[in-house]
N, C-alpha and C. Protein backbone atom coordinates (compact mmCIF):
# COMPACT_ATOMS: atom_id res chain seq x y z
N UNK A 1 0.85 -1.19 0.00
CA UNK A 1 0.00 0.00 0.00
C UNK A 1 0.89 1.25 0.00
N UNK A 2 0.44 2.25 -0.68
CA UNK A 2 1.16 3.50 -0.79
C UNK A 2 1.15 4.25 0.54
N UNK A 3 2.20 5.05 0.75
CA UNK A 3 2.25 5.91 1.92
C UNK A 3 1.71 7.30 1.62
N UNK A 4 1.28 7.55 0.41
CA UNK A 4 0.75 8.84 0.00
C UNK A 4 -0.52 9.14 0.80
N UNK A 5 -0.56 10.30 1.44
CA UNK A 5 -1.69 10.66 2.31
C UNK A 5 -3.02 10.61 1.58
N UNK A 6 -3.07 11.10 0.37
CA UNK A 6 -4.33 11.12 -0.37
C UNK A 6 -4.76 9.70 -0.73
N UNK A 7 -3.82 8.86 -1.10
CA UNK A 7 -4.14 7.47 -1.39
C UNK A 7 -4.70 6.80 -0.13
N UNK A 8 -4.10 7.06 1.02
CA UNK A 8 -4.58 6.48 2.28
C UNK A 8 -5.99 6.97 2.60
N UNK A 9 -6.24 8.26 2.40
CA UNK A 9 -7.57 8.80 2.67
C UNK A 9 -8.60 8.20 1.72
N UNK A 10 -8.24 8.04 0.46
CA UNK A 10 -9.15 7.42 -0.50
C UNK A 10 -9.43 5.96 -0.14
N UNK A 11 -8.45 5.26 0.39
CA UNK A 11 -8.66 3.89 0.84
C UNK A 11 -9.65 3.85 2.01
N UNK A 12 -9.52 4.81 2.92
CA UNK A 12 -10.49 4.93 4.01
C UNK A 12 -11.89 5.15 3.45
N UNK A 13 -11.99 6.07 2.48
CA UNK A 13 -13.29 6.36 1.87
C UNK A 13 -13.88 5.11 1.23
N UNK A 14 -13.02 4.35 0.56
CA UNK A 14 -13.47 3.12 -0.10
C UNK A 14 -14.02 2.13 0.92
N UNK A 15 -13.35 1.99 2.05
CA UNK A 15 -13.81 1.06 3.09
C UNK A 15 -15.12 1.54 3.71
N UNK A 16 -15.24 2.82 3.96
CA UNK A 16 -16.47 3.37 4.54
C UNK A 16 -17.63 3.15 3.57
N UNK A 17 -17.41 3.40 2.30
CA UNK A 17 -18.47 3.19 1.31
C UNK A 17 -18.86 1.71 1.23
N UNK A 18 -17.88 0.82 1.36
CA UNK A 18 -18.19 -0.62 1.37
C UNK A 18 -19.08 -0.95 2.56
N UNK A 19 -18.76 -0.39 3.72
CA UNK A 19 -19.58 -0.62 4.92
C UNK A 19 -20.97 -0.03 4.75
N UNK A 20 -21.08 1.12 4.11
CA UNK A 20 -22.40 1.71 3.84
C UNK A 20 -23.24 0.75 2.99
N UNK A 21 -22.64 0.22 1.93
CA UNK A 21 -23.37 -0.72 1.06
C UNK A 21 -23.76 -1.97 1.83
N UNK A 22 -22.85 -2.44 2.68
CA UNK A 22 -23.15 -3.63 3.49
C UNK A 22 -24.36 -3.37 4.38
N UNK A 23 -24.37 -2.21 5.05
CA UNK A 23 -25.49 -1.86 5.91
C UNK A 23 -26.79 -1.77 5.11
N UNK A 24 -26.74 -1.11 3.99
CA UNK A 24 -27.93 -0.92 3.18
C UNK A 24 -28.47 -2.24 2.62
N UNK A 25 -27.63 -3.24 2.53
CA UNK A 25 -28.05 -4.53 2.03
C UNK A 25 -28.57 -5.48 3.09
N UNK A 26 -28.48 -5.09 4.35
CA UNK A 26 -28.94 -5.97 5.43
C UNK A 26 -30.45 -5.89 5.60
N UNK A 27 -31.01 -7.00 5.96
CA UNK A 27 -32.46 -7.06 6.21
C UNK A 27 -32.79 -6.34 7.51
N UNK A 28 -33.98 -5.76 7.56
CA UNK A 28 -34.42 -5.05 8.77
C UNK A 28 -34.40 -5.94 10.00
N UNK A 29 -34.65 -7.23 9.83
CA UNK A 29 -34.76 -8.12 10.98
C UNK A 29 -33.43 -8.57 11.55
N UNK A 30 -32.31 -8.34 10.87
CA UNK A 30 -31.02 -8.82 11.34
C UNK A 30 -30.34 -7.74 12.19
N UNK A 31 -30.86 -7.55 13.41
CA UNK A 31 -30.36 -6.48 14.28
C UNK A 31 -28.89 -6.65 14.63
N UNK A 32 -28.44 -7.88 14.84
CA UNK A 32 -27.04 -8.10 15.21
C UNK A 32 -26.09 -7.66 14.11
N UNK A 33 -26.38 -8.05 12.89
CA UNK A 33 -25.52 -7.68 11.77
C UNK A 33 -25.57 -6.17 11.53
N UNK A 34 -26.74 -5.57 11.65
CA UNK A 34 -26.87 -4.12 11.46
C UNK A 34 -26.05 -3.38 12.51
N UNK A 35 -26.16 -3.82 13.76
CA UNK A 35 -25.41 -3.16 14.84
C UNK A 35 -23.90 -3.31 14.62
N UNK A 36 -23.44 -4.51 14.27
CA UNK A 36 -22.01 -4.71 14.03
C UNK A 36 -21.51 -3.84 12.89
N UNK A 37 -22.30 -3.74 11.84
CA UNK A 37 -21.89 -2.93 10.69
C UNK A 37 -21.85 -1.46 11.05
N UNK A 38 -22.85 -0.98 11.75
CA UNK A 38 -22.85 0.42 12.17
C UNK A 38 -21.68 0.70 13.11
N UNK A 39 -21.38 -0.22 13.99
CA UNK A 39 -20.24 -0.01 14.89
C UNK A 39 -18.93 0.04 14.12
N UNK A 40 -18.81 -0.75 13.06
CA UNK A 40 -17.61 -0.68 12.20
C UNK A 40 -17.56 0.67 11.46
N UNK A 41 -18.72 1.13 10.99
CA UNK A 41 -18.79 2.45 10.34
C UNK A 41 -18.33 3.52 11.32
N UNK A 42 -18.85 3.47 12.53
CA UNK A 42 -18.50 4.46 13.56
C UNK A 42 -16.99 4.42 13.82
N UNK A 43 -16.43 3.23 13.96
CA UNK A 43 -15.00 3.11 14.22
C UNK A 43 -14.17 3.67 13.06
N UNK A 44 -14.52 3.29 11.85
CA UNK A 44 -13.78 3.77 10.67
C UNK A 44 -13.85 5.30 10.57
N UNK A 45 -15.04 5.85 10.76
CA UNK A 45 -15.19 7.30 10.66
C UNK A 45 -14.47 8.02 11.80
N UNK A 46 -14.48 7.44 12.98
CA UNK A 46 -13.81 8.06 14.12
C UNK A 46 -12.30 8.17 13.86
N UNK A 47 -11.71 7.10 13.40
CA UNK A 47 -10.27 7.10 13.09
C UNK A 47 -9.99 8.07 11.95
N UNK A 48 -10.77 7.97 10.89
CA UNK A 48 -10.55 8.80 9.70
C UNK A 48 -10.66 10.29 10.01
N UNK A 49 -11.72 10.68 10.68
CA UNK A 49 -11.88 12.11 10.97
C UNK A 49 -10.80 12.60 11.93
N UNK A 50 -10.37 11.75 12.84
CA UNK A 50 -9.27 12.12 13.74
C UNK A 50 -8.01 12.42 12.93
N UNK A 51 -7.66 11.54 12.01
CA UNK A 51 -6.46 11.74 11.20
C UNK A 51 -6.56 13.01 10.36
N UNK A 52 -7.71 13.24 9.78
CA UNK A 52 -7.87 14.45 8.98
C UNK A 52 -7.82 15.70 9.85
N UNK A 53 -8.54 15.68 10.97
CA UNK A 53 -8.60 16.86 11.83
C UNK A 53 -7.24 17.20 12.45
N UNK A 54 -6.49 16.18 12.81
CA UNK A 54 -5.24 16.40 13.53
C UNK A 54 -4.02 16.56 12.63
N UNK A 55 -4.02 15.91 11.48
CA UNK A 55 -2.83 15.93 10.63
C UNK A 55 -3.05 16.58 9.27
N UNK A 56 -4.11 16.20 8.61
CA UNK A 56 -4.30 16.62 7.22
C UNK A 56 -4.82 18.05 7.12
N UNK A 57 -5.89 18.35 7.81
CA UNK A 57 -6.48 19.69 7.69
C UNK A 57 -5.54 20.80 8.16
N UNK A 58 -4.83 20.62 9.27
CA UNK A 58 -3.87 21.68 9.64
C UNK A 58 -2.81 21.91 8.56
N UNK A 59 -2.39 20.83 7.92
CA UNK A 59 -1.39 20.97 6.85
C UNK A 59 -1.99 21.69 5.65
N UNK A 60 -3.23 21.38 5.32
CA UNK A 60 -3.89 22.08 4.22
C UNK A 60 -4.02 23.56 4.55
N UNK A 61 -4.40 23.86 5.78
CA UNK A 61 -4.52 25.28 6.17
C UNK A 61 -3.18 26.00 6.04
N UNK A 62 -2.12 25.30 6.38
CA UNK A 62 -0.78 25.88 6.31
C UNK A 62 -0.35 26.13 4.86
N UNK A 63 -0.58 25.16 4.00
CA UNK A 63 -0.10 25.23 2.62
C UNK A 63 -1.04 25.97 1.68
N UNK A 64 -2.34 25.98 2.01
CA UNK A 64 -3.34 26.61 1.16
C UNK A 64 -4.16 27.60 1.97
N UNK A 65 -3.58 28.73 2.36
CA UNK A 65 -4.31 29.67 3.22
C UNK A 65 -5.63 30.17 2.61
N UNK A 66 -5.73 30.20 1.31
CA UNK A 66 -6.97 30.61 0.66
C UNK A 66 -8.06 29.56 0.73
N UNK A 67 -7.74 28.43 1.30
CA UNK A 67 -8.67 27.31 1.40
C UNK A 67 -9.32 27.24 2.79
N UNK A 68 -9.19 28.30 3.57
CA UNK A 68 -9.69 28.30 4.95
C UNK A 68 -11.19 28.03 5.02
N UNK A 69 -11.95 28.63 4.13
CA UNK A 69 -13.40 28.42 4.14
C UNK A 69 -13.75 26.96 3.84
N UNK A 70 -13.03 26.35 2.93
CA UNK A 70 -13.22 24.92 2.64
C UNK A 70 -12.94 24.08 3.88
N UNK A 71 -11.87 24.41 4.59
CA UNK A 71 -11.50 23.65 5.78
C UNK A 71 -12.52 23.86 6.90
N UNK A 72 -13.04 25.07 7.02
CA UNK A 72 -14.09 25.33 8.00
C UNK A 72 -15.31 24.45 7.71
N UNK A 73 -15.68 24.39 6.45
CA UNK A 73 -16.82 23.56 6.04
C UNK A 73 -16.55 22.09 6.35
N UNK A 74 -15.37 21.61 5.98
CA UNK A 74 -15.02 20.21 6.20
C UNK A 74 -15.03 19.87 7.69
N UNK A 75 -14.52 20.77 8.51
CA UNK A 75 -14.52 20.53 9.96
C UNK A 75 -15.93 20.49 10.52
N UNK A 76 -16.82 21.32 10.00
CA UNK A 76 -18.21 21.27 10.45
C UNK A 76 -18.90 19.99 10.00
N UNK A 77 -18.57 19.53 8.80
CA UNK A 77 -19.11 18.25 8.34
C UNK A 77 -18.62 17.12 9.24
N UNK A 78 -17.37 17.17 9.65
CA UNK A 78 -16.84 16.18 10.59
C UNK A 78 -17.57 16.28 11.93
N UNK A 79 -17.84 17.48 12.36
CA UNK A 79 -18.54 17.67 13.63
C UNK A 79 -19.91 17.00 13.59
N UNK A 80 -20.63 17.19 12.51
CA UNK A 80 -21.95 16.57 12.36
C UNK A 80 -21.82 15.05 12.36
N UNK A 81 -20.86 14.53 11.61
CA UNK A 81 -20.64 13.08 11.57
C UNK A 81 -20.26 12.56 12.95
N UNK A 82 -19.41 13.30 13.67
CA UNK A 82 -19.01 12.89 15.02
C UNK A 82 -20.21 12.80 15.96
N UNK A 83 -21.10 13.79 15.87
CA UNK A 83 -22.29 13.77 16.73
C UNK A 83 -23.18 12.57 16.41
N UNK A 84 -23.39 12.31 15.14
CA UNK A 84 -24.21 11.17 14.75
C UNK A 84 -23.54 9.85 15.17
N UNK A 85 -22.24 9.76 14.99
CA UNK A 85 -21.52 8.55 15.41
C UNK A 85 -21.62 8.34 16.92
N UNK A 86 -21.47 9.42 17.66
CA UNK A 86 -21.58 9.32 19.12
C UNK A 86 -22.97 8.82 19.53
N UNK A 87 -24.01 9.35 18.90
CA UNK A 87 -25.37 8.91 19.21
C UNK A 87 -25.58 7.45 18.80
N UNK A 88 -25.15 7.08 17.61
CA UNK A 88 -25.34 5.71 17.12
C UNK A 88 -24.56 4.71 17.96
N UNK A 89 -23.41 5.13 18.45
CA UNK A 89 -22.59 4.23 19.27
C UNK A 89 -23.34 3.78 20.53
N UNK A 90 -24.19 4.63 21.05
CA UNK A 90 -24.94 4.30 22.25
C UNK A 90 -26.33 3.74 21.99
N UNK A 91 -26.64 3.46 20.74
CA UNK A 91 -27.98 2.98 20.39
C UNK A 91 -27.93 1.52 19.93
N UNK A 92 -29.11 0.94 19.81
CA UNK A 92 -29.24 -0.38 19.21
C UNK A 92 -30.26 -0.29 18.08
N UNK A 93 -30.24 -1.24 17.16
CA UNK A 93 -31.13 -1.16 15.99
C UNK A 93 -32.61 -1.08 16.32
N UNK A 94 -33.02 -1.53 17.49
CA UNK A 94 -34.45 -1.43 17.82
C UNK A 94 -34.82 -0.09 18.45
N UNK A 95 -33.83 0.79 18.66
CA UNK A 95 -34.12 2.12 19.18
C UNK A 95 -34.78 2.97 18.10
N UNK A 96 -35.72 3.80 18.54
CA UNK A 96 -36.38 4.72 17.64
C UNK A 96 -35.35 5.66 17.00
N UNK A 97 -35.35 5.75 15.69
CA UNK A 97 -34.47 6.67 14.98
C UNK A 97 -33.13 6.09 14.55
N UNK A 98 -32.86 4.84 14.91
CA UNK A 98 -31.57 4.23 14.58
C UNK A 98 -31.31 4.22 13.07
N UNK A 99 -32.27 3.70 12.32
CA UNK A 99 -32.10 3.62 10.87
C UNK A 99 -32.08 5.01 10.24
N UNK A 100 -32.89 5.91 10.75
CA UNK A 100 -32.92 7.27 10.20
C UNK A 100 -31.59 7.98 10.45
N UNK A 101 -31.05 7.84 11.65
CA UNK A 101 -29.75 8.45 11.97
C UNK A 101 -28.65 7.87 11.09
N UNK A 102 -28.70 6.56 10.89
CA UNK A 102 -27.70 5.91 10.05
C UNK A 102 -27.82 6.41 8.61
N UNK A 103 -29.03 6.56 8.12
CA UNK A 103 -29.25 7.06 6.76
C UNK A 103 -28.73 8.49 6.61
N UNK A 104 -28.97 9.32 7.60
CA UNK A 104 -28.48 10.71 7.56
C UNK A 104 -26.95 10.73 7.59
N UNK A 105 -26.37 9.88 8.43
CA UNK A 105 -24.91 9.79 8.49
C UNK A 105 -24.35 9.38 7.13
N UNK A 106 -24.92 8.36 6.54
CA UNK A 106 -24.46 7.88 5.24
C UNK A 106 -24.57 8.99 4.19
N UNK A 107 -25.70 9.67 4.13
CA UNK A 107 -25.87 10.75 3.15
C UNK A 107 -24.85 11.87 3.36
N UNK A 108 -24.67 12.28 4.60
CA UNK A 108 -23.74 13.37 4.89
C UNK A 108 -22.30 12.99 4.55
N UNK A 109 -21.92 11.79 4.92
CA UNK A 109 -20.54 11.35 4.66
C UNK A 109 -20.31 11.15 3.16
N UNK A 110 -21.29 10.62 2.46
CA UNK A 110 -21.15 10.46 1.00
C UNK A 110 -20.90 11.82 0.33
N UNK A 111 -21.66 12.83 0.72
CA UNK A 111 -21.47 14.17 0.14
C UNK A 111 -20.09 14.71 0.49
N UNK A 112 -19.67 14.51 1.74
CA UNK A 112 -18.35 14.97 2.19
C UNK A 112 -17.24 14.29 1.38
N UNK A 113 -17.34 12.99 1.21
CA UNK A 113 -16.34 12.24 0.45
C UNK A 113 -16.27 12.73 -0.99
N UNK A 114 -17.42 12.88 -1.61
CA UNK A 114 -17.46 13.34 -3.00
C UNK A 114 -16.79 14.70 -3.14
N UNK A 115 -17.08 15.61 -2.22
CA UNK A 115 -16.48 16.94 -2.27
C UNK A 115 -14.97 16.87 -2.07
N UNK A 116 -14.53 16.09 -1.09
CA UNK A 116 -13.09 15.98 -0.85
C UNK A 116 -12.37 15.42 -2.08
N UNK A 117 -12.91 14.33 -2.61
CA UNK A 117 -12.22 13.67 -3.71
C UNK A 117 -12.23 14.49 -5.00
N UNK A 118 -13.29 15.22 -5.25
CA UNK A 118 -13.37 15.97 -6.51
C UNK A 118 -12.78 17.38 -6.41
N UNK A 119 -12.90 18.02 -5.25
CA UNK A 119 -12.48 19.41 -5.12
C UNK A 119 -11.21 19.61 -4.29
N UNK A 120 -11.14 18.94 -3.16
CA UNK A 120 -10.05 19.21 -2.20
C UNK A 120 -8.78 18.46 -2.58
N UNK A 121 -8.87 17.16 -2.77
CA UNK A 121 -7.67 16.36 -2.98
C UNK A 121 -6.82 16.80 -4.17
N UNK A 122 -7.42 17.13 -5.32
CA UNK A 122 -6.57 17.58 -6.43
C UNK A 122 -5.75 18.83 -6.09
N UNK A 123 -6.35 19.77 -5.37
CA UNK A 123 -5.65 20.99 -4.99
C UNK A 123 -4.57 20.70 -3.96
N UNK A 124 -4.85 19.80 -3.04
CA UNK A 124 -3.86 19.43 -2.03
C UNK A 124 -2.68 18.73 -2.69
N UNK A 125 -2.96 17.82 -3.62
CA UNK A 125 -1.89 17.11 -4.32
C UNK A 125 -0.98 18.10 -5.04
N UNK A 126 -1.57 19.08 -5.70
CA UNK A 126 -0.79 20.07 -6.43
C UNK A 126 0.04 20.94 -5.48
N UNK A 127 -0.53 21.28 -4.32
CA UNK A 127 0.16 22.17 -3.38
C UNK A 127 1.27 21.46 -2.61
N UNK A 128 1.04 20.22 -2.22
CA UNK A 128 2.02 19.54 -1.36
C UNK A 128 3.07 18.76 -2.15
N UNK A 129 2.68 18.12 -3.20
CA UNK A 129 3.64 17.33 -3.96
C UNK A 129 3.86 15.95 -3.36
N UNK A 130 4.53 15.12 -4.13
CA UNK A 130 4.70 13.70 -3.80
C UNK A 130 5.45 13.46 -2.49
N UNK A 131 6.56 14.13 -2.29
CA UNK A 131 7.38 13.87 -1.09
C UNK A 131 6.63 14.26 0.18
N UNK A 132 6.02 15.43 0.17
CA UNK A 132 5.29 15.88 1.36
C UNK A 132 4.08 14.99 1.64
N UNK A 133 3.40 14.56 0.59
CA UNK A 133 2.25 13.67 0.78
C UNK A 133 2.69 12.31 1.32
N UNK A 134 3.84 11.85 0.92
CA UNK A 134 4.37 10.59 1.44
C UNK A 134 4.72 10.74 2.92
N UNK A 135 5.36 11.85 3.27
CA UNK A 135 5.72 12.08 4.68
C UNK A 135 4.46 12.21 5.54
N UNK A 136 3.46 12.92 5.04
CA UNK A 136 2.20 13.06 5.77
C UNK A 136 1.52 11.70 5.91
N UNK A 137 1.55 10.90 4.86
CA UNK A 137 0.97 9.56 4.91
C UNK A 137 1.67 8.67 5.93
N UNK A 138 2.97 8.76 6.02
CA UNK A 138 3.72 7.98 7.01
C UNK A 138 3.32 8.40 8.42
N UNK A 139 3.17 9.67 8.61
CA UNK A 139 2.73 10.18 9.93
C UNK A 139 1.32 9.68 10.25
N UNK A 140 0.45 9.71 9.25
CA UNK A 140 -0.92 9.22 9.43
C UNK A 140 -0.91 7.75 9.84
N UNK A 141 -0.09 6.95 9.19
CA UNK A 141 -0.03 5.53 9.52
C UNK A 141 0.46 5.31 10.95
N UNK A 142 1.41 6.11 11.37
CA UNK A 142 1.92 5.98 12.74
C UNK A 142 0.85 6.39 13.76
N UNK A 143 0.16 7.49 13.50
CA UNK A 143 -0.85 7.99 14.43
C UNK A 143 -2.10 7.10 14.42
N UNK A 144 -2.38 6.47 13.30
CA UNK A 144 -3.55 5.59 13.19
C UNK A 144 -3.55 4.53 14.30
N UNK A 145 -2.39 4.06 14.68
CA UNK A 145 -2.28 3.01 15.69
C UNK A 145 -2.85 3.44 17.05
N UNK A 146 -2.72 4.72 17.37
CA UNK A 146 -3.19 5.21 18.68
C UNK A 146 -4.44 6.08 18.57
N UNK A 147 -4.95 6.25 17.36
CA UNK A 147 -6.14 7.09 17.17
C UNK A 147 -7.34 6.48 17.88
N UNK A 148 -8.24 7.32 18.38
CA UNK A 148 -9.45 6.81 19.01
C UNK A 148 -10.26 5.98 18.03
N UNK A 149 -10.88 4.94 18.54
CA UNK A 149 -11.68 4.04 17.72
C UNK A 149 -13.18 4.18 18.00
N UNK A 150 -13.51 4.82 19.10
CA UNK A 150 -14.90 5.02 19.48
C UNK A 150 -15.12 6.50 19.76
N UNK A 151 -16.29 6.98 19.39
CA UNK A 151 -16.57 8.40 19.67
C UNK A 151 -16.62 8.63 21.17
N UNK A 152 -16.21 9.82 21.54
CA UNK A 152 -16.25 10.18 22.95
C UNK A 152 -17.12 11.40 23.14
N UNK A 153 -17.75 11.47 24.26
CA UNK A 153 -18.59 12.64 24.57
C UNK A 153 -17.71 13.88 24.52
N UNK A 154 -18.22 14.91 23.91
CA UNK A 154 -17.49 16.16 23.87
C UNK A 154 -16.73 16.39 22.58
N UNK A 155 -16.66 15.40 21.72
CA UNK A 155 -16.08 15.59 20.40
C UNK A 155 -14.58 15.63 20.37
N UNK A 156 -14.05 16.48 19.49
CA UNK A 156 -12.65 16.46 19.12
C UNK A 156 -11.70 16.72 20.29
N UNK A 157 -12.03 17.60 21.21
CA UNK A 157 -11.11 17.87 22.32
C UNK A 157 -10.90 16.64 23.18
N UNK A 158 -11.96 15.89 23.42
CA UNK A 158 -11.81 14.66 24.19
C UNK A 158 -11.04 13.61 23.40
N UNK A 159 -11.24 13.55 22.09
CA UNK A 159 -10.52 12.58 21.27
C UNK A 159 -9.02 12.88 21.30
N UNK A 160 -8.66 14.15 21.23
CA UNK A 160 -7.25 14.53 21.27
C UNK A 160 -6.65 14.10 22.61
N UNK A 161 -7.33 14.43 23.69
CA UNK A 161 -6.83 14.06 25.01
C UNK A 161 -6.71 12.55 25.16
N UNK A 162 -7.70 11.82 24.68
CA UNK A 162 -7.65 10.35 24.76
C UNK A 162 -6.46 9.80 23.98
N UNK A 163 -6.20 10.33 22.79
CA UNK A 163 -5.10 9.83 21.97
C UNK A 163 -3.75 10.16 22.61
N UNK A 164 -3.64 11.32 23.20
CA UNK A 164 -2.38 11.70 23.84
C UNK A 164 -2.09 10.85 25.08
N UNK A 165 -3.16 10.45 25.77
CA UNK A 165 -2.98 9.59 26.94
C UNK A 165 -2.65 8.17 26.55
N UNK A 166 -3.16 7.73 25.39
CA UNK A 166 -2.98 6.34 24.92
C UNK A 166 -1.66 6.13 24.33
């Protein structure tokens, strides 16, 4: 696997989309499989957003100062996904709103992924170049090992503290 940061992020997106399709293909009556799949989605998104928020987005802000509004938007999209993940993490498939929350999460993340891949990543690749993207990717792989896997109450500040303690 490549160490290129954008390649790694696209691989994360590919896995999340696979989990979305898996969830959408499950029967309503298979609560255990639905819960396991949603918990995997939550874990994947928690790790992915942590890596972007802590490593990728600050670097984009540094290298592309004119992209601040894009980064503000992306961070708010992460915030919404984090809130939904936190709620879903504490729910079960028979809870009222479980499927609706999951559907909203899937829709929001799909839009976010599409925007990143079509608009953000090409500009980041051009601004950072191959060597810097490889170095950022190596850092992402190292941090991935200690990144939070479950959402925590309070969002990003608690996730940062948890990762630093771990």
